């Protein structure tokens, strides 16, 4: 990921239905705007019909733009009896 400014703290967090946080935020500092780096996070959630997951990326330092260049997501479902 890159940012439009230097020394930016970014956060990634999973949400259920867009509002309920289901993980702790994973933070990463982008030292210079062109730094490349990685972040990894994990969350468990029980979903019902109509529920959805949302990954939010925020800049905790300023309103500077964050650009995620590559993203890999893996979601696994299990039938609950």
Protein backbone atom coordinates (compact mmCIF):
# COMPACT_ATOMS: atom_id res chain seq x y z
CA UNK A 1 0.00 0.00 0.00
CA UNK A 2 1.09 3.55 -0.53
CA UNK A 3 -0.14 6.91 0.75
CA UNK A 4 -0.21 10.41 -0.68
CA UNK A 5 1.86 11.71 2.29
CA UNK A 6 4.76 10.55 4.49
CA UNK A 7 4.59 9.05 8.01
CA UNK A 8 0.98 7.89 7.83
CA UNK A 9 -0.55 5.31 10.21
CA UNK A 10 -3.05 3.10 8.42
CA UNK A 11 -5.53 0.64 9.96
CA UNK A 12 -7.36 -2.38 8.57
CA UNK A 13 -10.37 -3.89 10.33
CA UNK A 14 -13.15 -6.37 9.53
CA UNK A 15 -16.78 -5.40 10.12
CA UNK A 16 -19.99 -7.40 10.11
CA UNK A 17 -22.80 -5.66 8.20
CA UNK A 18 -20.64 -2.53 7.90
CA UNK A 19 -20.99 -1.38 11.51
CA UNK A 20 -20.02 -4.08 14.04
CA UNK A 21 -16.24 -4.52 14.38
CA UNK A 22 -15.34 -8.22 14.53
CA UNK A 23 -11.55 -7.84 14.74
CA UNK A 24 -8.95 -5.66 16.33
CA UNK A 25 -7.42 -3.09 13.98
CA UNK A 26 -4.14 -4.01 12.30
CA UNK A 27 -2.01 -0.88 12.03
CA UNK A 28 0.88 -0.14 9.68
CA UNK A 29 3.05 2.94 9.36
CA UNK A 30 3.89 4.06 5.84
CA UNK A 31 7.18 5.93 6.31
CA UNK A 32 7.36 7.54 2.89
CA UNK A 33 4.43 7.78 0.54
CA UNK A 34 5.97 5.29 -1.87
CA UNK A 35 6.80 2.61 0.75
CA UNK A 36 5.44 -0.81 -0.10
CA UNK A 37 4.45 -3.14 2.70
CA UNK A 38 2.13 -5.87 3.81
CA UNK A 39 -0.55 -6.30 6.45
CA UNK A 40 -2.28 -9.47 7.57
CA UNK A 41 -5.44 -9.86 9.62
CA UNK A 42 -7.86 -12.56 10.67
CA UNK A 43 -11.39 -12.60 12.02
CA UNK A 44 -14.09 -15.14 12.85
CA UNK A 45 -17.76 -14.35 12.43
CA UNK A 46 -21.09 -16.13 12.59
CA UNK A 47 -23.25 -14.90 9.73
CA UNK A 48 -26.97 -15.27 9.08
CA UNK A 49 -28.78 -14.95 5.78
CA UNK A 50 -28.36 -11.38 4.52
CA UNK A 51 -25.26 -10.61 6.63
CA UNK A 52 -22.08 -9.44 4.93
CA UNK A 53 -18.43 -8.75 5.77
CA UNK A 54 -16.69 -5.47 5.03
CA UNK A 55 -12.96 -4.69 5.21
CA UNK A 56 -12.28 -1.05 6.05
CA UNK A 57 -8.96 0.69 5.53
CA UNK A 58 -8.50 4.03 7.29
CA UNK A 59 -5.77 6.62 7.65
CA UNK A 60 -5.39 7.35 11.38
CA UNK A 61 -2.97 10.25 10.79
CA UNK A 62 -4.68 12.51 8.27
CA UNK A 63 -7.07 12.59 5.33
CA UNK A 64 -4.26 11.56 2.97
CA UNK A 65 -5.31 8.96 0.40
CA UNK A 66 -4.33 5.29 0.87
CA UNK A 67 -3.81 3.12 -2.20
CA UNK A 68 -3.95 -0.67 -1.80
CA UNK A 69 -2.04 -2.05 -4.77
CA UNK A 70 -2.68 -5.78 -4.26
CA UNK A 71 -5.19 -7.57 -2.07
CA UNK A 72 -5.81 -11.26 -1.45
CA UNK A 73 -8.88 -12.34 0.51
CA UNK A 74 -9.83 -15.83 1.59
CA UNK A 75 -13.22 -16.54 3.12
CA UNK A 76 -14.31 -19.95 4.30
CA UNK A 77 -17.85 -20.94 5.21
CA UNK A 78 -18.89 -23.77 7.53
CA UNK A 79 -22.40 -25.12 7.97
CA UNK A 80 -23.57 -24.66 11.57
CA UNK A 81 -25.96 -27.39 12.69
